[in-house]
Amino acid sequence: MRNTYLKDVRKAWDDSKVLFGKTKVMAKALGTTQENEYQENLHKLSKVPSLQLGMDVNRQKVNGDVGLLITSHPANVVTEWFDSFVKTDFPRAGSVAPITFTIPAGTVYSRGGQVDIEDDSPLPHSLEPTLRQLGMPTRLQKGIITLDSEYTVCKEGDELDSKQTRLLKQFGIACAEFRINLVGYWSKKNGDVQILKQPNEMDVDQV
């Protein structure tokens, strides 16, 4: 959970309620059948969250948590706001790499070859032990961190481990997106339930 961004959501919707908890508990609160549902048709909504967790779409994991937004705002206002709420962040372990990132051979620069060396600077020599601990075959040459051959930190589509995510953050690769996918809503006015996204339509690579 990206707490910083979630705080932004709570602040923007401070006249509403944003609830998180165990999926099965939330589903139980809504009602899982027509006989035990809290309000008419809520059991239809309670079946949606369980479809969104632990799925594998084209060998890519769908990551994320399920929550409830309780609000009096119209559905179109809610969907438009969340569609536009996208934040760039560093990926976390277990997420899928959206890019291939390779650091060129030679001097290791702070951006890892993403910008021209004229606009970059070599990493300080004190970081060399850390890079080696994270799997990079670096060495010090006259006080400069060096690679004898290019090093691929990750390949697009691979599941990232903690060492890879730390290296991506070290080199400033903010290639993950934080967004909240709305999967369905229920209207108290008429008991209508609308499913906004089916499991095979869920975005991947997202936290």
N, C-alpha and C. Protein backbone atom coordinates (compact mmCIF):
# COMPACT_ATOMS: atom_id res chain seq x y z
N MET A 1 0.84 -1.19 0.00
CA MET A 1 0.00 0.00 0.00
C MET A 1 0.88 1.24 0.00
N ARG A 2 0.63 2.15 -0.95
CA ARG A 2 1.36 3.41 -1.00
C ARG A 2 0.65 4.42 -0.10
N ASN A 3 1.07 4.49 1.14
CA ASN A 3 0.34 5.29 2.11
C ASN A 3 0.28 6.77 1.76
N THR A 4 1.36 7.29 1.16
CA THR A 4 1.38 8.71 0.80
C THR A 4 0.26 9.03 -0.18
N TYR A 5 0.11 8.21 -1.20
CA TYR A 5 -0.92 8.45 -2.20
C TYR A 5 -2.31 8.16 -1.67
N LEU A 6 -2.40 7.18 -0.79
CA LEU A 6 -3.70 6.88 -0.20
C LEU A 6 -4.18 8.04 0.67
N LYS A 7 -3.24 8.72 1.32
CA LYS A 7 -3.60 9.91 2.10
C LYS A 7 -4.16 10.99 1.19
N ASP A 8 -3.59 11.11 -0.02
CA ASP A 8 -4.11 12.08 -0.99
C ASP A 8 -5.56 11.75 -1.35
N VAL A 9 -5.84 10.45 -1.51
CA VAL A 9 -7.19 10.03 -1.85
C VAL A 9 -8.15 10.36 -0.70
N ARG A 10 -7.74 10.02 0.50
CA ARG A 10 -8.61 10.30 1.66
C ARG A 10 -8.88 11.79 1.81
N LYS A 11 -7.85 12.60 1.55
CA LYS A 11 -8.01 14.05 1.68
C LYS A 11 -8.97 14.58 0.61
N ALA A 12 -8.83 14.07 -0.61
CA ALA A 12 -9.70 14.52 -1.70
C ALA A 12 -11.15 14.10 -1.48
N TRP A 13 -11.33 12.98 -0.78
CA TRP A 13 -12.67 12.45 -0.54
C TRP A 13 -12.99 12.48 0.96
N ASP A 14 -12.67 13.61 1.59
CA ASP A 14 -12.85 13.70 3.05
C ASP A 14 -14.32 13.77 3.46
N ASP A 15 -15.21 13.96 2.50
CA ASP A 15 -16.64 13.93 2.82
C ASP A 15 -17.23 12.55 2.57
N SER A 16 -16.36 11.59 2.27
CA SER A 16 -16.77 10.21 2.03
C SER A 16 -15.98 9.29 2.95
N LYS A 17 -16.18 7.99 2.82
CA LYS A 17 -15.45 7.02 3.62
C LYS A 17 -14.69 6.07 2.69
N VAL A 18 -13.40 5.86 3.00
CA VAL A 18 -12.58 4.90 2.29
C VAL A 18 -12.21 3.80 3.28
N LEU A 19 -12.66 2.59 3.02
CA LEU A 19 -12.48 1.49 3.96
C LEU A 19 -11.62 0.38 3.36
N PHE A 20 -10.70 -0.14 4.17
CA PHE A 20 -9.88 -1.28 3.77
C PHE A 20 -9.96 -2.34 4.85
N GLY A 21 -9.84 -3.56 4.46
CA GLY A 21 -9.86 -4.66 5.42
C GLY A 21 -9.69 -5.96 4.68
N LYS A 22 -9.84 -7.05 5.39
CA LYS A 22 -9.75 -8.35 4.73
C LYS A 22 -10.92 -8.52 3.77
N THR A 23 -10.61 -9.01 2.58
CA THR A 23 -11.62 -9.11 1.52
C THR A 23 -12.83 -9.92 1.97
N LYS A 24 -12.58 -11.06 2.62
CA LYS A 24 -13.69 -11.92 3.04
C LYS A 24 -14.56 -11.25 4.08
N VAL A 25 -13.94 -10.44 4.95
CA VAL A 25 -14.70 -9.75 5.99
C VAL A 25 -15.59 -8.68 5.36
N MET A 26 -15.04 -7.93 4.41
CA MET A 26 -15.83 -6.90 3.75
C MET A 26 -16.98 -7.52 2.97
N ALA A 27 -16.72 -8.64 2.30
CA ALA A 27 -17.77 -9.32 1.55
C ALA A 27 -18.87 -9.80 2.49
N LYS A 28 -18.48 -10.30 3.67
CA LYS A 28 -19.46 -10.76 4.65
C LYS A 28 -20.32 -9.62 5.14
N ALA A 29 -19.70 -8.44 5.31
CA ALA A 29 -20.45 -7.27 5.78
C ALA A 29 -21.49 -6.84 4.75
N LEU A 30 -21.14 -6.92 3.48
CA LEU A 30 -22.08 -6.55 2.43
C LEU A 30 -23.18 -7.59 2.29
N GLY A 31 -22.79 -8.84 2.49
CA GLY A 31 -23.72 -9.95 2.27
C GLY A 31 -23.26 -10.75 1.07
N THR A 32 -23.20 -12.04 1.21
CA THR A 32 -22.69 -12.88 0.12
C THR A 32 -23.80 -13.58 -0.65
N THR A 33 -25.02 -13.52 -0.13
CA THR A 33 -26.17 -14.09 -0.83
C THR A 33 -27.35 -13.12 -0.72
N GLN A 34 -28.38 -13.40 -1.49
CA GLN A 34 -29.56 -12.54 -1.45
C GLN A 34 -30.23 -12.59 -0.07
N GLU A 35 -30.08 -13.72 0.61
CA GLU A 35 -30.72 -13.90 1.91
C GLU A 35 -30.03 -13.10 3.02
N ASN A 36 -28.72 -12.93 2.94
CA ASN A 36 -28.03 -12.25 4.05
C ASN A 36 -27.44 -10.90 3.64
N GLU A 37 -27.79 -10.38 2.47
CA GLU A 37 -27.24 -9.10 2.04
C GLU A 37 -27.79 -7.97 2.90
N TYR A 38 -26.96 -6.93 3.10
CA TYR A 38 -27.33 -5.80 3.96
C TYR A 38 -28.38 -4.92 3.28
N GLN A 39 -28.22 -4.73 1.98
CA GLN A 39 -29.20 -3.97 1.19
C GLN A 39 -29.43 -4.73 -0.11
N GLU A 40 -30.47 -4.38 -0.81
CA GLU A 40 -30.84 -5.09 -2.04
C GLU A 40 -29.70 -5.09 -3.06
N ASN A 41 -29.35 -6.27 -3.51
CA ASN A 41 -28.35 -6.52 -4.57
C ASN A 41 -26.90 -6.33 -4.12
N LEU A 42 -26.65 -6.02 -2.84
CA LEU A 42 -25.27 -5.84 -2.40
C LEU A 42 -24.46 -7.13 -2.52
N HIS A 43 -25.13 -8.29 -2.47
CA HIS A 43 -24.38 -9.54 -2.58
C HIS A 43 -23.70 -9.66 -3.94
N LYS A 44 -24.26 -8.99 -4.96
CA LYS A 44 -23.63 -9.00 -6.28
C LYS A 44 -22.31 -8.25 -6.27
N LEU A 45 -22.27 -7.16 -5.50
CA LEU A 45 -21.04 -6.39 -5.40
C LEU A 45 -19.99 -7.14 -4.57
N SER A 46 -20.44 -7.87 -3.58
CA SER A 46 -19.50 -8.57 -2.70
C SER A 46 -18.73 -9.66 -3.44
N LYS A 47 -19.23 -10.10 -4.56
CA LYS A 47 -18.55 -11.14 -5.32
C LYS A 47 -17.44 -10.58 -6.21
N VAL A 48 -17.43 -9.28 -6.42
CA VAL A 48 -16.45 -8.69 -7.33
C VAL A 48 -15.02 -8.69 -6.79
N PRO A 49 -14.74 -8.23 -5.54
CA PRO A 49 -13.36 -8.11 -5.08
C PRO A 49 -12.56 -9.41 -5.14
N SER A 50 -13.19 -10.55 -4.82
CA SER A 50 -12.45 -11.80 -4.77
C SER A 50 -11.92 -12.19 -6.14
N LEU A 51 -12.50 -11.62 -7.20
CA LEU A 51 -12.03 -11.94 -8.55
C LEU A 51 -10.76 -11.20 -8.91
N GLN A 52 -10.44 -10.16 -8.14
CA GLN A 52 -9.35 -9.27 -8.56
C GLN A 52 -8.00 -9.61 -7.94
N LEU A 53 -7.95 -10.52 -6.97
CA LEU A 53 -6.70 -10.78 -6.27
C LEU A 53 -6.10 -12.11 -6.69
N GLY A 54 -4.76 -12.12 -6.82
CA GLY A 54 -4.04 -13.34 -7.08
C GLY A 54 -4.21 -13.88 -8.48
N MET A 55 -4.69 -13.08 -9.42
CA MET A 55 -4.87 -13.54 -10.78
C MET A 55 -3.57 -13.51 -11.54
N ASP A 56 -3.52 -14.27 -12.62
CA ASP A 56 -2.36 -14.30 -13.49
C ASP A 56 -2.84 -14.04 -14.90
N VAL A 57 -2.52 -12.88 -15.44
CA VAL A 57 -2.97 -12.50 -16.76
C VAL A 57 -1.75 -12.46 -17.68
N ASN A 58 -1.71 -13.38 -18.65
CA ASN A 58 -0.55 -13.47 -19.54
C ASN A 58 0.75 -13.56 -18.75
N ARG A 59 0.72 -14.36 -17.67
CA ARG A 59 1.88 -14.62 -16.82
C ARG A 59 2.30 -13.40 -16.01
N GLN A 60 1.44 -12.39 -15.93
CA GLN A 60 1.75 -11.20 -15.14
C GLN A 60 0.76 -11.11 -13.98
N LYS A 61 1.27 -10.84 -12.81
CA LYS A 61 0.42 -10.80 -11.64
C LYS A 61 -0.32 -9.48 -11.53
N VAL A 62 -1.57 -9.57 -11.12
CA VAL A 62 -2.34 -8.37 -10.79
C VAL A 62 -2.18 -8.12 -9.30
N ASN A 63 -1.52 -7.03 -8.97
CA ASN A 63 -1.25 -6.72 -7.57
C ASN A 63 -2.20 -5.66 -7.06
N GLY A 64 -2.44 -5.68 -5.77
CA GLY A 64 -3.23 -4.59 -5.22
C GLY A 64 -4.10 -5.03 -4.06
N ASP A 65 -4.76 -4.07 -3.45
CA ASP A 65 -5.67 -4.30 -2.34
C ASP A 65 -7.06 -3.88 -2.77
N VAL A 66 -8.04 -4.42 -2.09
CA VAL A 66 -9.43 -4.10 -2.39
C VAL A 66 -10.01 -3.26 -1.26
N GLY A 67 -10.72 -2.22 -1.61
CA GLY A 67 -11.33 -1.35 -0.61
C GLY A 67 -12.74 -0.96 -1.02
N LEU A 68 -13.39 -0.23 -0.14
CA LEU A 68 -14.73 0.28 -0.40
C LEU A 68 -14.73 1.80 -0.27
N LEU A 69 -15.32 2.47 -1.22
CA LEU A 69 -15.54 3.91 -1.14
C LEU A 69 -17.04 4.12 -0.95
N ILE A 70 -17.41 4.74 0.16
CA ILE A 70 -18.81 5.03 0.44
C ILE A 70 -19.00 6.52 0.28
N THR A 71 -19.78 6.91 -0.70
CA THR A 71 -19.89 8.32 -1.05
C THR A 71 -21.28 8.65 -1.58
N SER A 72 -21.64 9.92 -1.49
CA SER A 72 -22.92 10.39 -2.04
C SER A 72 -22.73 11.05 -3.40
N HIS A 73 -21.49 11.10 -3.89
CA HIS A 73 -21.23 11.73 -5.18
C HIS A 73 -21.73 10.85 -6.33
N PRO A 74 -22.14 11.45 -7.44
CA PRO A 74 -22.61 10.67 -8.59
C PRO A 74 -21.50 9.76 -9.14
N ALA A 75 -21.92 8.66 -9.74
CA ALA A 75 -20.97 7.67 -10.24
C ALA A 75 -20.02 8.27 -11.27
N ASN A 76 -20.51 9.14 -12.13
CA ASN A 76 -19.64 9.70 -13.18
C ASN A 76 -18.56 10.61 -12.59
N VAL A 77 -18.87 11.29 -11.49
CA VAL A 77 -17.88 12.14 -10.82
C VAL A 77 -16.78 11.26 -10.22
N VAL A 78 -17.19 10.16 -9.60
CA VAL A 78 -16.23 9.25 -8.97
C VAL A 78 -15.32 8.62 -10.02
N THR A 79 -15.89 8.09 -11.08
CA THR A 79 -15.09 7.40 -12.09
C THR A 79 -14.13 8.36 -12.80
N GLU A 80 -14.59 9.58 -13.09
CA GLU A 80 -13.72 10.55 -13.76
C GLU A 80 -12.53 10.92 -12.87
N TRP A 81 -12.77 11.08 -11.59
CA TRP A 81 -11.68 11.46 -10.68
C TRP A 81 -10.65 10.35 -10.58
N PHE A 82 -11.09 9.13 -10.37
CA PHE A 82 -10.15 8.03 -10.20
C PHE A 82 -9.44 7.67 -11.51
N ASP A 83 -10.09 7.88 -12.64
CA ASP A 83 -9.42 7.65 -13.92
C ASP A 83 -8.24 8.60 -14.10
N SER A 84 -8.35 9.79 -13.54
CA SER A 84 -7.30 10.79 -13.70
C SER A 84 -6.25 10.75 -12.59
N PHE A 85 -6.49 9.95 -11.56
CA PHE A 85 -5.57 9.90 -10.42
C PHE A 85 -4.52 8.81 -10.67
N VAL A 86 -3.39 9.21 -11.24
CA VAL A 86 -2.30 8.29 -11.56
C VAL A 86 -1.00 8.93 -11.07
N LYS A 87 -0.24 8.19 -10.26
CA LYS A 87 1.02 8.69 -9.72
C LYS A 87 2.17 7.77 -10.14
N THR A 88 3.30 8.39 -10.47
CA THR A 88 4.50 7.63 -10.81
C THR A 88 5.30 7.36 -9.55
N ASP A 89 5.81 6.13 -9.45
CA ASP A 89 6.53 5.76 -8.23
C ASP A 89 7.56 4.69 -8.57
N PHE A 90 8.38 4.35 -7.59
CA PHE A 90 9.35 3.28 -7.77
C PHE A 90 8.65 1.94 -7.57
N PRO A 91 9.00 0.94 -8.39
CA PRO A 91 8.36 -0.37 -8.25
C PRO A 91 8.77 -1.07 -6.96
N ARG A 92 7.97 -2.01 -6.54
CA ARG A 92 8.24 -2.78 -5.34
C ARG A 92 8.43 -4.24 -5.68
N ALA A 93 9.06 -4.95 -4.77
CA ALA A 93 9.31 -6.38 -4.98
C ALA A 93 7.99 -7.11 -5.20
N GLY A 94 7.99 -8.00 -6.18
CA GLY A 94 6.79 -8.75 -6.51
C GLY A 94 6.00 -8.17 -7.66
N SER A 95 6.28 -6.90 -8.02
CA SER A 95 5.61 -6.30 -9.16
C SER A 95 6.32 -6.71 -10.45
N VAL A 96 5.70 -6.43 -11.57
CA VAL A 96 6.24 -6.82 -12.86
C VAL A 96 6.99 -5.65 -13.49
N ALA A 97 8.18 -5.93 -14.00
CA ALA A 97 9.00 -4.88 -14.61
C ALA A 97 8.36 -4.40 -15.91
N PRO A 98 8.01 -3.11 -16.02
CA PRO A 98 7.41 -2.61 -17.25
C PRO A 98 8.44 -2.27 -18.32
N ILE A 99 9.73 -2.29 -17.95
CA ILE A 99 10.79 -1.93 -18.88
C ILE A 99 11.98 -2.85 -18.69
N THR A 100 12.86 -2.83 -19.69
CA THR A 100 14.18 -3.45 -19.55
C THR A 100 15.18 -2.34 -19.24
N PHE A 101 15.96 -2.53 -18.18
CA PHE A 101 16.92 -1.51 -17.78
C PHE A 101 18.30 -2.11 -17.74
N THR A 102 19.19 -1.59 -18.59
CA THR A 102 20.57 -2.08 -18.69
C THR A 102 21.54 -0.93 -18.46
N ILE A 103 22.51 -1.16 -17.58
CA ILE A 103 23.53 -0.16 -17.28
C ILE A 103 24.75 -0.42 -18.17
N PRO A 104 25.22 0.58 -18.92
CA PRO A 104 26.34 0.38 -19.83
C PRO A 104 27.64 0.04 -19.12
N ALA A 105 28.55 -0.59 -19.85
CA ALA A 105 29.89 -0.87 -19.32
C ALA A 105 30.66 0.43 -19.14
N GLY A 106 31.66 0.38 -18.27
CA GLY A 106 32.49 1.55 -18.01
C GLY A 106 32.12 2.20 -16.69
N THR A 107 32.36 3.48 -16.62
CA THR A 107 32.02 4.24 -15.41
C THR A 107 30.53 4.17 -15.13
N VAL A 108 30.18 3.92 -13.87
CA VAL A 108 28.77 3.84 -13.48
C VAL A 108 28.30 5.22 -13.04
N TYR A 109 27.33 5.76 -13.79
CA TYR A 109 26.82 7.10 -13.50
C TYR A 109 25.52 7.01 -12.68
N SER A 110 25.17 8.13 -12.08
CA SER A 110 24.06 8.16 -11.14
C SER A 110 22.72 7.81 -11.79
N ARG A 111 22.57 8.06 -13.09
CA ARG A 111 21.33 7.71 -13.78
C ARG A 111 21.48 6.45 -14.62
N GLY A 112 22.62 5.78 -14.53
CA GLY A 112 22.79 4.49 -15.17
C GLY A 112 22.67 4.49 -16.68
N GLY A 113 23.09 5.59 -17.32
CA GLY A 113 23.05 5.63 -18.77
C GLY A 113 21.77 6.17 -19.36
N GLN A 114 20.87 6.66 -18.53
CA GLN A 114 19.60 7.19 -19.05
C GLN A 114 19.76 8.56 -19.69
N VAL A 115 20.78 9.30 -19.27
CA VAL A 115 21.02 10.64 -19.82
C VAL A 115 22.46 10.71 -20.31
N ASP A 116 22.75 11.73 -21.09
CA ASP A 116 24.12 11.92 -21.57
C ASP A 116 25.07 12.12 -20.39
N ILE A 117 26.29 11.60 -20.53
CA ILE A 117 27.23 11.70 -19.41
C ILE A 117 27.56 13.15 -19.09
N GLU A 118 27.40 14.05 -20.07
CA GLU A 118 27.64 15.47 -19.81
C GLU A 118 26.64 16.02 -18.80
N ASP A 119 25.47 15.39 -18.74
CA ASP A 119 24.41 15.84 -17.83
C ASP A 119 24.32 14.96 -16.58
N ASP A 120 25.29 14.09 -16.41
CA ASP A 120 25.25 13.15 -15.29
C ASP A 120 26.55 13.25 -14.50
N SER A 121 26.64 12.46 -13.45
CA SER A 121 27.86 12.42 -12.66
C SER A 121 28.09 11.00 -12.16
N PRO A 122 29.35 10.58 -12.02
CA PRO A 122 29.63 9.23 -11.53
C PRO A 122 29.11 9.03 -10.11
N LEU A 123 28.69 7.80 -9.83
CA LEU A 123 28.27 7.49 -8.47
C LEU A 123 29.46 7.61 -7.52
N PRO A 124 29.25 8.06 -6.30
CA PRO A 124 30.35 8.14 -5.34
C PRO A 124 30.91 6.75 -5.03
N HIS A 125 32.22 6.68 -4.82
CA HIS A 125 32.88 5.39 -4.62
C HIS A 125 32.37 4.64 -3.39
N SER A 126 31.80 5.37 -2.44
CA SER A 126 31.31 4.74 -1.21
C SER A 126 30.13 3.80 -1.47
N LEU A 127 29.48 3.93 -2.63
CA LEU A 127 28.34 3.08 -2.94
C LEU A 127 28.74 1.75 -3.58
N GLU A 128 30.00 1.60 -3.90
CA GLU A 128 30.43 0.38 -4.62
C GLU A 128 30.13 -0.91 -3.85
N PRO A 129 30.41 -1.00 -2.55
CA PRO A 129 30.05 -2.22 -1.82
C PRO A 129 28.55 -2.53 -1.85
N THR A 130 27.74 -1.48 -1.77
CA THR A 130 26.29 -1.67 -1.81
C THR A 130 25.86 -2.23 -3.15
N LEU A 131 26.41 -1.71 -4.24
CA LEU A 131 26.05 -2.21 -5.56
C LEU A 131 26.43 -3.68 -5.72
N ARG A 132 27.60 -4.05 -5.20
CA ARG A 132 28.01 -5.45 -5.29
C ARG A 132 27.08 -6.34 -4.48
N GLN A 133 26.65 -5.86 -3.31
CA GLN A 133 25.71 -6.63 -2.50
C GLN A 133 24.38 -6.84 -3.21
N LEU A 134 24.04 -5.89 -4.09
CA LEU A 134 22.78 -5.99 -4.83
C LEU A 134 22.95 -6.74 -6.15
N GLY A 135 24.12 -7.31 -6.37
CA GLY A 135 24.30 -8.19 -7.52
C GLY A 135 25.05 -7.62 -8.70
N MET A 136 25.42 -6.34 -8.64
CA MET A 136 26.16 -5.76 -9.76
C MET A 136 27.65 -6.12 -9.67
N PRO A 137 28.25 -6.61 -10.74
CA PRO A 137 29.67 -7.00 -10.72
C PRO A 137 30.59 -5.79 -10.89
N THR A 138 30.51 -4.86 -9.96
CA THR A 138 31.28 -3.62 -10.05
C THR A 138 32.66 -3.79 -9.43
N ARG A 139 33.54 -2.85 -9.73
CA ARG A 139 34.85 -2.77 -9.08
C ARG A 139 35.29 -1.31 -9.07
N LEU A 140 36.21 -1.01 -8.17
CA LEU A 140 36.75 0.34 -8.09
C LEU A 140 38.01 0.43 -8.94
N GLN A 141 38.06 1.42 -9.80
CA GLN A 141 39.23 1.67 -10.63
C GLN A 141 39.65 3.13 -10.44
N LYS A 142 40.73 3.31 -9.69
CA LYS A 142 41.20 4.66 -9.36
C LYS A 142 40.09 5.48 -8.70
N GLY A 143 39.36 4.81 -7.80
CA GLY A 143 38.32 5.49 -7.04
C GLY A 143 37.02 5.69 -7.79
N ILE A 144 36.89 5.09 -8.96
CA ILE A 144 35.67 5.25 -9.77
C ILE A 144 34.98 3.89 -9.90
N ILE A 145 33.67 3.85 -9.65
CA ILE A 145 32.91 2.61 -9.79
C ILE A 145 32.81 2.25 -11.26
N THR A 146 33.18 1.01 -11.58
CA THR A 146 33.27 0.60 -12.97
C THR A 146 32.62 -0.75 -13.20
N LEU A 147 32.05 -0.92 -14.40
CA LEU A 147 31.54 -2.21 -14.86
C LEU A 147 32.38 -2.65 -16.05
N ASP A 148 32.85 -3.91 -16.04
CA ASP A 148 33.63 -4.41 -17.17
C ASP A 148 32.75 -4.71 -18.38
N SER A 149 31.48 -5.00 -18.15
CA SER A 149 30.52 -5.24 -19.23
C SER A 149 29.17 -4.73 -18.79
N GLU A 150 28.28 -4.49 -19.74
CA GLU A 150 26.97 -3.95 -19.37
C GLU A 150 26.24 -4.92 -18.45
N TYR A 151 25.38 -4.35 -17.62
CA TYR A 151 24.66 -5.16 -16.63
C TYR A 151 23.17 -4.87 -16.74
N THR A 152 22.38 -5.92 -16.95
CA THR A 152 20.93 -5.78 -17.04
C THR A 152 20.30 -5.97 -15.67
N VAL A 153 19.71 -4.91 -15.17
CA VAL A 153 19.07 -4.95 -13.85
C VAL A 153 17.78 -5.76 -13.92
N CYS A 154 16.98 -5.55 -14.96
CA CYS A 154 15.72 -6.27 -15.11
C CYS A 154 15.32 -6.30 -16.57
N LYS A 155 14.47 -7.24 -16.90
CA LYS A 155 13.90 -7.34 -18.24
C LYS A 155 12.40 -7.15 -18.16
N GLU A 156 11.84 -6.51 -19.16
CA GLU A 156 10.41 -6.26 -19.19
C GLU A 156 9.63 -7.56 -19.04
N GLY A 157 8.66 -7.55 -18.14
CA GLY A 157 7.82 -8.73 -17.92
C GLY A 157 8.27 -9.62 -16.79
N ASP A 158 9.51 -9.41 -16.28
CA ASP A 158 10.01 -10.23 -15.18
C ASP A 158 9.41 -9.76 -13.85
N GLU A 159 9.22 -10.70 -12.93
CA GLU A 159 8.81 -10.32 -11.58
C GLU A 159 10.04 -9.82 -10.83
N LEU A 160 9.93 -8.64 -10.24
CA LEU A 160 11.07 -8.01 -9.60
C LEU A 160 11.30 -8.53 -8.18
N ASP A 161 12.57 -8.70 -7.83
CA ASP A 161 12.89 -9.02 -6.44
C ASP A 161 13.38 -7.76 -5.74
N SER A 162 13.69 -7.90 -4.45
CA SER A 162 14.04 -6.72 -3.65
C SER A 162 15.34 -6.07 -4.11
N LYS A 163 16.30 -6.87 -4.57
CA LYS A 163 17.56 -6.31 -5.05
C LYS A 163 17.35 -5.48 -6.31
N GLN A 164 16.54 -5.98 -7.20
CA GLN A 164 16.27 -5.24 -8.43
C GLN A 164 15.55 -3.92 -8.15
N THR A 165 14.57 -3.95 -7.25
CA THR A 165 13.84 -2.72 -6.95
C THR A 165 14.74 -1.69 -6.27
N ARG A 166 15.67 -2.15 -5.44
CA ARG A 166 16.60 -1.22 -4.80
C ARG A 166 17.54 -0.59 -5.83
N LEU A 167 17.95 -1.38 -6.81
CA LEU A 167 18.81 -0.83 -7.87
C LEU A 167 18.04 0.16 -8.73
N LEU A 168 16.80 -0.16 -9.05
CA LEU A 168 16.00 0.77 -9.85
C LEU A 168 15.82 2.10 -9.11
N LYS A 169 15.60 2.02 -7.81
CA LYS A 169 15.46 3.26 -7.03
C LYS A 169 16.77 4.01 -6.97
N GLN A 170 17.89 3.28 -6.82
CA GLN A 170 19.20 3.91 -6.76
C GLN A 170 19.47 4.73 -8.02
N PHE A 171 19.04 4.21 -9.17
CA PHE A 171 19.30 4.90 -10.44
C PHE A 171 18.13 5.77 -10.89
N GLY A 172 17.18 5.98 -10.00
CA GLY A 172 16.09 6.92 -10.29
C GLY A 172 15.08 6.44 -11.30
N ILE A 173 14.89 5.11 -11.38
CA ILE A 173 13.95 4.57 -12.35
C ILE A 173 12.57 4.44 -11.70
N ALA A 174 11.78 5.48 -11.80
CA ALA A 174 10.41 5.46 -11.27
C ALA A 174 9.48 5.00 -12.38
N CYS A 175 9.37 3.69 -12.54
CA CYS A 175 8.65 3.14 -13.69
C CYS A 175 7.35 2.44 -13.28
N ALA A 176 6.94 2.61 -12.02
CA ALA A 176 5.68 2.01 -11.58
C ALA A 176 4.59 3.08 -11.52
N GLU A 177 3.35 2.63 -11.60
CA GLU A 177 2.23 3.53 -11.50
C GLU A 177 1.35 3.13 -10.32
N PHE A 178 0.94 4.13 -9.57
CA PHE A 178 -0.07 3.91 -8.54
C PHE A 178 -1.39 4.41 -9.10
N ARG A 179 -2.36 3.55 -9.15
CA ARG A 179 -3.70 3.95 -9.55
C ARG A 179 -4.70 3.07 -8.82
N ILE A 180 -5.91 3.54 -8.71
CA ILE A 180 -6.98 2.77 -8.09
C ILE A 180 -7.98 2.42 -9.18
N ASN A 181 -8.14 1.14 -9.41
CA ASN A 181 -9.09 0.66 -10.42
C ASN A 181 -10.46 0.48 -9.79
N LEU A 182 -11.46 1.13 -10.33
CA LEU A 182 -12.82 0.94 -9.87
C LEU A 182 -13.40 -0.29 -10.58
N VAL A 183 -13.81 -1.27 -9.80
CA VAL A 183 -14.27 -2.52 -10.41
C VAL A 183 -15.79 -2.65 -10.43
N GLY A 184 -16.46 -1.86 -9.61
CA GLY A 184 -17.92 -1.93 -9.61
C GLY A 184 -18.50 -0.97 -8.59
N TYR A 185 -19.80 -0.69 -8.72
CA TYR A 185 -20.45 0.17 -7.73
C TYR A 185 -21.91 -0.25 -7.54
N TRP A 186 -22.43 0.15 -6.39
CA TRP A 186 -23.82 -0.12 -6.01
C TRP A 186 -24.50 1.20 -5.70
N SER A 187 -25.72 1.37 -6.16
CA SER A 187 -26.48 2.60 -5.91
C SER A 187 -27.59 2.32 -4.91
N LYS A 188 -27.59 3.09 -3.83
CA LYS A 188 -28.62 2.93 -2.82
C LYS A 188 -29.99 3.35 -3.35
N LYS A 189 -29.98 4.26 -4.31
CA LYS A 189 -31.23 4.81 -4.82
C LYS A 189 -32.13 3.74 -5.41
N ASN A 190 -31.54 2.88 -6.24
CA ASN A 190 -32.35 1.85 -6.90
C ASN A 190 -31.81 0.44 -6.75
N GLY A 191 -30.74 0.28 -5.94
CA GLY A 191 -30.17 -1.05 -5.75
C GLY A 191 -29.42 -1.57 -6.95
N ASP A 192 -29.09 -0.68 -7.88
CA ASP A 192 -28.43 -1.09 -9.12
C ASP A 192 -26.95 -1.40 -8.87
N VAL A 193 -26.46 -2.49 -9.44
CA VAL A 193 -25.04 -2.86 -9.37
C VAL A 193 -24.46 -2.83 -10.77
N GLN A 194 -23.36 -2.12 -10.93
CA GLN A 194 -22.67 -2.05 -12.21
C GLN A 194 -21.25 -2.58 -12.05
N ILE A 195 -20.86 -3.51 -12.89
CA ILE A 195 -19.49 -4.02 -12.89
C ILE A 195 -18.71 -3.22 -13.93
N LEU A 196 -17.67 -2.52 -13.47
CA LEU A 196 -16.92 -1.63 -14.35
C LEU A 196 -15.76 -2.32 -15.04
N LYS A 197 -15.16 -3.31 -14.37
CA LYS A 197 -14.04 -4.03 -14.97
C LYS A 197 -14.14 -5.51 -14.64
N GLN A 198 -14.00 -6.34 -15.66
CA GLN A 198 -13.93 -7.77 -15.47
C GLN A 198 -12.48 -8.16 -15.22
N PRO A 199 -12.22 -9.35 -14.66
CA PRO A 199 -10.85 -9.76 -14.34
C PRO A 199 -9.90 -9.66 -15.51
N ASN A 200 -10.34 -10.04 -16.72
CA ASN A 200 -9.43 -10.00 -17.86
C ASN A 200 -9.20 -8.60 -18.39
N GLU A 201 -9.87 -7.61 -17.79
CA GLU A 201 -9.68 -6.22 -18.19
C GLU A 201 -8.84 -5.45 -17.20
N MET A 202 -8.44 -6.10 -16.10
CA MET A 202 -7.67 -5.41 -15.07
C MET A 202 -6.30 -5.04 -15.59
N ASP A 203 -5.86 -3.83 -15.27
CA ASP A 203 -4.52 -3.39 -15.64
C ASP A 203 -3.50 -4.15 -14.82
N VAL A 204 -2.39 -4.51 -15.47
CA VAL A 204 -1.30 -5.15 -14.74
C VAL A 204 -0.18 -4.14 -14.56
N ASP A 205 0.91 -4.58 -13.89
CA ASP A 205 2.07 -3.74 -13.62
C ASP A 205 1.75 -2.61 -12.65
N GLN A 206 0.65 -2.71 -11.96
CA GLN A 206 0.26 -1.60 -11.12
C GLN A 206 0.14 -2.06 -9.69
N VAL A 207 0.38 -0.98 -8.74
CA VAL A 207 0.35 -1.29 -7.33
C VAL A 207 -1.06 -1.06 -6.82
